[in-house]
């Protein structure tokens, strides 16, 4: 399952705030798809602190797509 979030037209620091709020709601295995107006360099350390993986794709029109995924739970024995 995935969630979608468009922060392209929000003034700083709203994109980071909204993304971090949405990340906090992700269950293991879920993905947050974000449309952003630029590469959010200051966001990456915050995502790493929260234990999520992020893939960044820059589009020809200058927009950025982020795919933020909370890892699956480790297998238990």
PDB file of N, CA and C in Angstrom:
ATOM      1  N   UNK A   1       0.845  -1.186   0.000  1.00  0.00           N
ATOM      2  CA  UNK A   1       0.000   0.000   0.000  1.00  0.00           C
ATOM      3  C   UNK A   1       0.885   1.242   0.000  1.00  0.00           C
ATOM      4  N   UNK A   2       0.386   2.310  -0.610  1.00  0.00           N
ATOM      5  CA  UNK A   2       1.174   3.535  -0.612  1.00  0.00           C
ATOM      6  C   UNK A   2       0.266   4.745  -0.404  1.00  0.00           C
ATOM      7  N   UNK A   3       0.891   5.800   0.078  1.00  0.00           N
ATOM      8  CA  UNK A   3       0.223   7.082   0.266  1.00  0.00           C
ATOM      9  C   UNK A   3       0.835   8.060  -0.734  1.00  0.00           C
ATOM     10  N   UNK A   4       0.089   9.081  -1.100  1.00  0.00           N
ATOM     11  CA  UNK A   4       0.580  10.108  -2.018  1.00  0.00           C
ATOM     12  C   UNK A   4       0.505  11.469  -1.345  1.00  0.00           C
ATOM     13  N   UNK A   5       1.521  12.285  -1.607  1.00  0.00           N
ATOM     14  CA  UNK A   5       1.589  13.612  -1.013  1.00  0.00           C
ATOM     15  C   UNK A   5       2.210  14.564  -2.038  1.00  0.00           C
ATOM     16  N   UNK A   6       1.566  15.693  -2.266  1.00  0.00           N
ATOM     17  CA  UNK A   6       2.067  16.708  -3.190  1.00  0.00           C
ATOM     18  C   UNK A   6       2.408  17.952  -2.376  1.00  0.00           C
ATOM     19  N   UNK A   7       3.694  18.274  -2.316  1.00  0.00           N
ATOM     20  CA  UNK A   7       4.136  19.441  -1.537  1.00  0.00           C
ATOM     21  C   UNK A   7       4.773  20.506  -2.433  1.00  0.00           C
ATOM     22  N   UNK A   8       4.545  20.408  -3.725  1.00  0.00           N
ATOM     23  CA  UNK A   8       5.214  21.308  -4.683  1.00  0.00           C
ATOM     24  C   UNK A   8       4.927  22.776  -4.453  1.00  0.00           C
ATOM     25  N   UNK A   9       3.752  23.109  -3.989  1.00  0.00           N
ATOM     26  CA  UNK A   9       3.372  24.517  -3.911  1.00  0.00           C
ATOM     27  C   UNK A   9       3.359  25.065  -2.481  1.00  0.00           C
ATOM     28  N   UNK A  10       3.953  24.326  -1.567  1.00  0.00           N
ATOM     29  CA  UNK A  10       3.988  24.780  -0.178  1.00  0.00           C
ATOM     30  C   UNK A  10       5.266  25.560   0.102  1.00  0.00           C
ATOM     31  N   UNK A  11       5.177  26.617   0.911  1.00  0.00           N
ATOM     32  CA  UNK A  11       6.386  27.357   1.284  1.00  0.00           C
ATOM     33  C   UNK A  11       7.158  26.602   2.364  1.00  0.00           C
ATOM     34  N   UNK A  12       8.468  26.807   2.394  1.00  0.00           N
ATOM     35  CA  UNK A  12       9.301  26.189   3.436  1.00  0.00           C
ATOM     36  C   UNK A  12       8.870  26.737   4.786  1.00  0.00           C
ATOM     37  N   UNK A  13       8.891  25.942   5.818  1.00  0.00           N
ATOM     38  CA  UNK A  13       9.341  24.558   5.929  1.00  0.00           C
ATOM     39  C   UNK A  13       8.213  23.539   5.806  1.00  0.00           C
ATOM     40  N   UNK A  14       7.053  23.945   5.271  1.00  0.00           N
ATOM     41  CA  UNK A  14       5.891  23.062   5.214  1.00  0.00           C
ATOM     42  C   UNK A  14       6.136  21.732   4.507  1.00  0.00           C
ATOM     43  N   UNK A  15       6.873  21.694   3.379  1.00  0.00           N
ATOM     44  CA  UNK A  15       7.087  20.382   2.757  1.00  0.00           C
ATOM     45  C   UNK A  15       7.743  19.379   3.702  1.00  0.00           C
ATOM     46  N   UNK A  16       8.788  19.806   4.409  1.00  0.00           N
ATOM     47  CA  UNK A  16       9.466  18.892   5.327  1.00  0.00           C
ATOM     48  C   UNK A  16       8.526  18.468   6.460  1.00  0.00           C
ATOM     49  N   UNK A  17       7.807  19.414   7.010  1.00  0.00           N
ATOM     50  CA  UNK A  17       6.888  19.118   8.111  1.00  0.00           C
ATOM     51  C   UNK A  17       5.840  18.098   7.671  1.00  0.00           C
ATOM     52  N   UNK A  18       5.233  18.334   6.528  1.00  0.00           N
ATOM     53  CA  UNK A  18       4.178  17.429   6.035  1.00  0.00           C
ATOM     54  C   UNK A  18       4.726  16.041   5.716  1.00  0.00           C
ATOM     55  N   UNK A  19       5.917  15.999   5.112  1.00  0.00           N
ATOM     56  CA  UNK A  19       6.515  14.705   4.780  1.00  0.00           C
ATOM     57  C   UNK A  19       6.824  13.924   6.049  1.00  0.00           C
ATOM     58  N   UNK A  20       7.426  14.563   7.042  1.00  0.00           N
ATOM     59  CA  UNK A  20       7.770  13.861   8.281  1.00  0.00           C
ATOM     60  C   UNK A  20       6.520  13.409   9.033  1.00  0.00           C
ATOM     61  N   UNK A  21       5.455  14.200   8.986  1.00  0.00           N
ATOM     62  CA  UNK A  21       4.191  13.772   9.595  1.00  0.00           C
ATOM     63  C   UNK A  21       3.647  12.530   8.898  1.00  0.00           C
ATOM     64  N   UNK A  22       3.707  12.516   7.583  1.00  0.00           N
ATOM     65  CA  UNK A  22       3.204  11.372   6.823  1.00  0.00           C
ATOM     66  C   UNK A  22       4.070  10.133   7.041  1.00  0.00           C
ATOM     67  N   UNK A  23       5.382  10.316   7.121  1.00  0.00           N
ATOM     68  CA  UNK A  23       6.291   9.192   7.363  1.00  0.00           C
ATOM     69  C   UNK A  23       5.976   8.532   8.701  1.00  0.00           C
ATOM     70  N   UNK A  24       5.608   9.337   9.686  1.00  0.00           N
ATOM     71  CA  UNK A  24       5.301   8.794  11.020  1.00  0.00           C
ATOM     72  C   UNK A  24       4.093   7.869  10.996  1.00  0.00           C
ATOM     73  N   UNK A  25       3.256   7.978   9.972  1.00  0.00           N
ATOM     74  CA  UNK A  25       2.051   7.140   9.890  1.00  0.00           C
ATOM     75  C   UNK A  25       2.258   5.874   9.068  1.00  0.00           C
ATOM     76  N   UNK A  26       3.432   5.725   8.445  1.00  0.00           N
ATOM     77  CA  UNK A  26       3.683   4.556   7.594  1.00  0.00           C
ATOM     78  C   UNK A  26       3.829   3.286   8.416  1.00  0.00           C
ATOM     79  N   UNK A  27       3.159   2.248   7.976  1.00  0.00           N
ATOM     80  CA  UNK A  27       3.324   0.924   8.567  1.00  0.00           C
ATOM     81  C   UNK A  27       4.462   0.215   7.848  1.00  0.00           C
ATOM     82  N   UNK A  28       5.046  -0.822   8.464  1.00  0.00           N
ATOM     83  CA  UNK A  28       6.107  -1.576   7.786  1.00  0.00           C
ATOM     84  C   UNK A  28       5.650  -2.052   6.402  1.00  0.00           C
ATOM     85  N   UNK A  29       6.496  -1.813   5.420  1.00  0.00           N
ATOM     86  CA  UNK A  29       6.205  -2.205   4.053  1.00  0.00           C
ATOM     87  C   UNK A  29       5.456  -1.154   3.249  1.00  0.00           C
ATOM     88  N   UNK A  30       4.972  -0.097   3.891  1.00  0.00           N
ATOM     89  CA  UNK A  30       4.242   0.951   3.186  1.00  0.00           C
ATOM     90  C   UNK A  30       5.202   1.963   2.569  1.00  0.00           C
ATOM     91  N   UNK A  31       4.711   2.619   1.522  1.00  0.00           N
ATOM     92  CA  UNK A  31       5.501   3.611   0.787  1.00  0.00           C
ATOM     93  C   UNK A  31       4.737   4.930   0.723  1.00  0.00           C
ATOM     94  N   UNK A  32       5.478   6.013   0.835  1.00  0.00           N
ATOM     95  CA  UNK A  32       4.943   7.365   0.654  1.00  0.00           C
ATOM     96  C   UNK A  32       5.535   7.910  -0.633  1.00  0.00           C
ATOM     97  N   UNK A  33       4.668   8.259  -1.588  1.00  0.00           N
ATOM     98  CA  UNK A  33       5.085   8.863  -2.852  1.00  0.00           C
ATOM     99  C   UNK A  33       4.901  10.371  -2.727  1.00  0.00           C
ATOM    100  N   UNK A  34       5.988  11.122  -2.914  1.00  0.00           N
ATOM    101  CA  UNK A  34       5.945  12.582  -2.733  1.00  0.00           C
ATOM    102  C   UNK A  34       6.329  13.286  -4.029  1.00  0.00           C
ATOM    103  N   UNK A  35       5.533  14.287  -4.401  1.00  0.00           N
ATOM    104  CA  UNK A  35       5.884  15.186  -5.507  1.00  0.00           C
ATOM    105  C   UNK A  35       6.409  16.474  -4.878  1.00  0.00           C
ATOM    106  N   UNK A  36       7.628  16.849  -5.249  1.00  0.00           N
ATOM    107  CA  UNK A  36       8.301  17.999  -4.648  1.00  0.00           C
ATOM    108  C   UNK A  36       8.814  18.904  -5.763  1.00  0.00           C
ATOM    109  N   UNK A  37       9.011  20.166  -5.446  1.00  0.00           N
ATOM    110  CA  UNK A  37       9.492  21.120  -6.447  1.00  0.00           C
ATOM    111  C   UNK A  37      11.013  21.117  -6.590  1.00  0.00           C
ATOM    112  N   UNK A  38      11.703  20.483  -5.629  1.00  0.00           N
ATOM    113  CA  UNK A  38      13.178  20.440  -5.692  1.00  0.00           C
ATOM    114  C   UNK A  38      13.688  19.269  -4.862  1.00  0.00           C
ATOM    115  N   UNK A  39      14.971  18.986  -4.977  1.00  0.00           N
ATOM    116  CA  UNK A  39      15.580  17.923  -4.175  1.00  0.00           C
ATOM    117  C   UNK A  39      15.686  18.425  -2.735  1.00  0.00           C
ATOM    118  N   UNK A  40      15.060  17.745  -1.784  1.00  0.00           N
ATOM    119  CA  UNK A  40      15.033  18.216  -0.390  1.00  0.00           C
ATOM    120  C   UNK A  40      16.227  17.707   0.420  1.00  0.00           C
ATOM    121  N   UNK A  41      17.390  18.272   0.169  1.00  0.00           N
ATOM    122  CA  UNK A  41      18.623  17.800   0.795  1.00  0.00           C
ATOM    123  C   UNK A  41      18.555  17.767   2.321  1.00  0.00           C
ATOM    124  N   UNK A  42      17.916  18.738   2.944  1.00  0.00           N
ATOM    125  CA  UNK A  42      17.851  18.772   4.410  1.00  0.00           C
ATOM    126  C   UNK A  42      16.931  17.689   4.981  1.00  0.00           C
ATOM    127  N   UNK A  43      16.081  17.125   4.140  1.00  0.00           N
ATOM    128  CA  UNK A  43      15.154  16.087   4.586  1.00  0.00           C
ATOM    129  C   UNK A  43      15.842  14.727   4.751  1.00  0.00           C
ATOM    130  N   UNK A  44      16.828  14.437   3.943  1.00  0.00           N
ATOM    131  CA  UNK A  44      17.439  13.102   3.927  1.00  0.00           C
ATOM    132  C   UNK A  44      17.971  12.635   5.286  1.00  0.00           C
ATOM    133  N   UNK A  45      18.708  13.473   6.032  1.00  0.00           N
ATOM    134  CA  UNK A  45      19.166  13.003   7.351  1.00  0.00           C
ATOM    135  C   UNK A  45      18.003  12.693   8.299  1.00  0.00           C
ATOM    136  N   UNK A  46      16.943  13.455   8.205  1.00  0.00           N
ATOM    137  CA  UNK A  46      15.774  13.226   9.069  1.00  0.00           C
ATOM    138  C   UNK A  46      15.097  11.907   8.723  1.00  0.00           C
ATOM    139  N   UNK A  47      15.061  11.586   7.444  1.00  0.00           N
ATOM    140  CA  UNK A  47      14.481  10.302   7.038  1.00  0.00           C
ATOM    141  C   UNK A  47      15.352   9.146   7.508  1.00  0.00           C
ATOM    142  N   UNK A  48      16.661   9.327   7.407  1.00  0.00           N
ATOM    143  CA  UNK A  48      17.588   8.283   7.863  1.00  0.00           C
ATOM    144  C   UNK A  48      17.419   8.036   9.359  1.00  0.00           C
ATOM    145  N   UNK A  49      17.256   9.094  10.135  1.00  0.00           N
ATOM    146  CA  UNK A  49      17.029   8.964  11.582  1.00  0.00           C
ATOM    147  C   UNK A  49      15.783   8.140  11.882  1.00  0.00           C
ATOM    148  N   UNK A  50      14.813   8.209  10.995  1.00  0.00           N
ATOM    149  CA  UNK A  50      13.535   7.510  11.203  1.00  0.00           C
ATOM    150  C   UNK A  50      13.541   6.099  10.623  1.00  0.00           C
ATOM    151  N   UNK A  51      14.673   5.693  10.048  1.00  0.00           N
ATOM    152  CA  UNK A  51      14.825   4.325   9.578  1.00  0.00           C
ATOM    153  C   UNK A  51      14.069   3.993   8.311  1.00  0.00           C
ATOM    154  N   UNK A  52      13.817   4.998   7.478  1.00  0.00           N
ATOM    155  CA  UNK A  52      13.126   4.742   6.219  1.00  0.00           C
ATOM    156  C   UNK A  52      14.093   4.903   5.052  1.00  0.00           C
ATOM    157  N   UNK A  53      13.785   4.221   3.966  1.00  0.00           N
ATOM    158  CA  UNK A  53      14.599   4.315   2.753  1.00  0.00           C
ATOM    159  C   UNK A  53      13.941   5.304   1.807  1.00  0.00           C
ATOM    160  N   UNK A  54      14.764   6.021   1.042  1.00  0.00           N
ATOM    161  CA  UNK A  54      14.216   6.997   0.098  1.00  0.00           C
ATOM    162  C   UNK A  54      14.921   6.855  -1.247  1.00  0.00           C
ATOM    163  N   UNK A  55      14.119   6.910  -2.304  1.00  0.00           N
ATOM    164  CA  UNK A  55      14.637   6.963  -3.664  1.00  0.00           C
ATOM    165  C   UNK A  55      14.176   8.285  -4.259  1.00  0.00           C
ATOM    166  N   UNK A  56      15.080   8.960  -4.961  1.00  0.00           N
ATOM    167  CA  UNK A  56      14.781  10.259  -5.547  1.00  0.00           C
ATOM    168  C   UNK A  56      14.888  10.163  -7.058  1.00  0.00           C
ATOM    169  N   UNK A  57      13.875  10.687  -7.732  1.00  0.00           N
ATOM    170  CA  UNK A  57      13.895  10.723  -9.195  1.00  0.00           C
ATOM    171  C   UNK A  57      13.617  12.152  -9.643  1.00  0.00           C
ATOM    172  N   UNK A  58      14.600  12.737 -10.339  1.00  0.00           N
ATOM    173  CA  UNK A  58      14.440  14.091 -10.854  1.00  0.00           C
ATOM    174  C   UNK A  58      13.833  14.017 -12.255  1.00  0.00           C
ATOM    175  N   UNK A  59      12.770  14.762 -12.480  1.00  0.00           N
ATOM    176  CA  UNK A  59      12.073  14.757 -13.757  1.00  0.00           C
ATOM    177  C   UNK A  59      12.612  15.856 -14.670  1.00  0.00           C
ATOM    178  N   UNK A  60      12.446  15.703 -15.986  1.00  0.00           N
ATOM    179  CA  UNK A  60      12.970  16.717 -16.924  1.00  0.00           C
ATOM    180  C   UNK A  60      12.418  18.118 -16.683  1.00  0.00           C
ATOM    181  N   UNK A  61      11.198  18.223 -16.136  1.00  0.00           N
ATOM    182  CA  UNK A  61      10.616  19.549 -15.902  1.00  0.00           C
ATOM    183  C   UNK A  61      11.106  20.193 -14.607  1.00  0.00           C
ATOM    184  N   UNK A  62      12.027  19.514 -13.894  1.00  0.00           N
ATOM    185  CA  UNK A  62      12.588  20.064 -12.668  1.00  0.00           C
ATOM    186  C   UNK A  62      11.923  19.570 -11.399  1.00  0.00           C
ATOM    187  N   UNK A  63      10.757  18.944 -11.526  1.00  0.00           N
ATOM    188  CA  UNK A  63      10.102  18.393 -10.341  1.00  0.00           C
ATOM    189  C   UNK A  63      10.831  17.137  -9.884  1.00  0.00           C
ATOM    190  N   UNK A  64      10.549  16.761  -8.643  1.00  0.00           N
ATOM    191  CA  UNK A  64      11.220  15.619  -8.030  1.00  0.00           C
ATOM    192  C   UNK A  64      10.166  14.677  -7.465  1.00  0.00           C
ATOM    193  N   UNK A  65      10.376  13.385  -7.689  1.00  0.00           N
ATOM    194  CA  UNK A  65       9.525  12.362  -7.096  1.00  0.00           C
ATOM    195  C   UNK A  65      10.335  11.620  -6.045  1.00  0.00           C
ATOM    196  N   UNK A  66       9.782  11.541  -4.850  1.00  0.00           N
ATOM    197  CA  UNK A  66      10.427  10.795  -3.769  1.00  0.00           C
ATOM    198  C   UNK A  66       9.582   9.566  -3.473  1.00  0.00           C
ATOM    199  N   UNK A  67      10.241   8.457  -3.301  1.00  0.00           N
ATOM    200  CA  UNK A  67       9.577   7.236  -2.885  1.00  0.00           C
ATOM    201  C   UNK A  67      10.200   6.863  -1.539  1.00  0.00           C
ATOM    202  N   UNK A  68       9.419   7.020  -0.470  1.00  0.00           N
ATOM    203  CA  UNK A  68       9.912   6.807   0.897  1.00  0.00           C
ATOM    204  C   UNK A  68       9.245   5.553   1.431  1.00  0.00           C
ATOM    205  N   UNK A  69      10.058   4.575   1.829  1.00  0.00           N
ATOM    206  CA  UNK A  69       9.513   3.278   2.239  1.00  0.00           C
ATOM    207  C   UNK A  69       9.984   2.893   3.636  1.00  0.00           C
ATOM    208  N   UNK A  70       9.013   2.476   4.456  1.00  0.00           N
ATOM    209  CA  UNK A  70       9.343   1.922   5.760  1.00  0.00           C
ATOM    210  C   UNK A  70       9.610   0.434   5.531  1.00  0.00           C
ATOM    211  N   UNK A  71      10.768  -0.052   5.951  1.00  0.00           N
ATOM    212  CA  UNK A  71      11.096  -1.466   5.724  1.00  0.00           C
ATOM    213  C   UNK A  71      10.107  -2.409   6.403  1.00  0.00           C
ATOM    214  N   UNK A  72      10.003  -3.609   5.825  1.00  0.00           N
ATOM    215  CA  UNK A  72       9.187  -4.658   6.439  1.00  0.00           C
ATOM    216  C   UNK A  72       9.775  -4.991   7.803  1.00  0.00           C
ATOM    217  N   UNK A  73       8.953  -5.528   8.649  1.00  0.00           N
ATOM    218  CA  UNK A  73       9.453  -5.960   9.949  1.00  0.00           C
ATOM    219  C   UNK A  73      10.401  -7.129   9.765  1.00  0.00           C
ATOM    220  N   UNK A  74      11.443  -7.208  10.584  1.00  0.00           N
ATOM    221  CA  UNK A  74      12.341  -8.361  10.481  1.00  0.00           C
ATOM    222  C   UNK A  74      11.597  -9.645  10.827  1.00  0.00           C
ATOM    223  N   UNK A  75      11.998 -10.708  10.187  1.00  0.00           N
ATOM    224  CA  UNK A  75      11.370 -12.012  10.458  1.00  0.00           C
ATOM    225  C   UNK A  75      11.664 -12.426  11.894  1.00  0.00           C
ATOM    226  N   UNK A  76      10.646 -12.982  12.538  1.00  0.00           N
ATOM    227  CA  UNK A  76      10.824 -13.466  13.913  1.00  0.00           C
ATOM    228  C   UNK A  76      10.889 -14.981  13.890  1.00  0.00           C
ATOM    229  N   UNK A  77      11.609 -15.537  14.840  1.00  0.00           N
ATOM    230  CA  UNK A  77      11.724 -16.998  14.874  1.00  0.00           C
ATOM    231  C   UNK A  77      10.902 -17.596  15.977  1.00  0.00           C
TER     232      UNK A  77
END
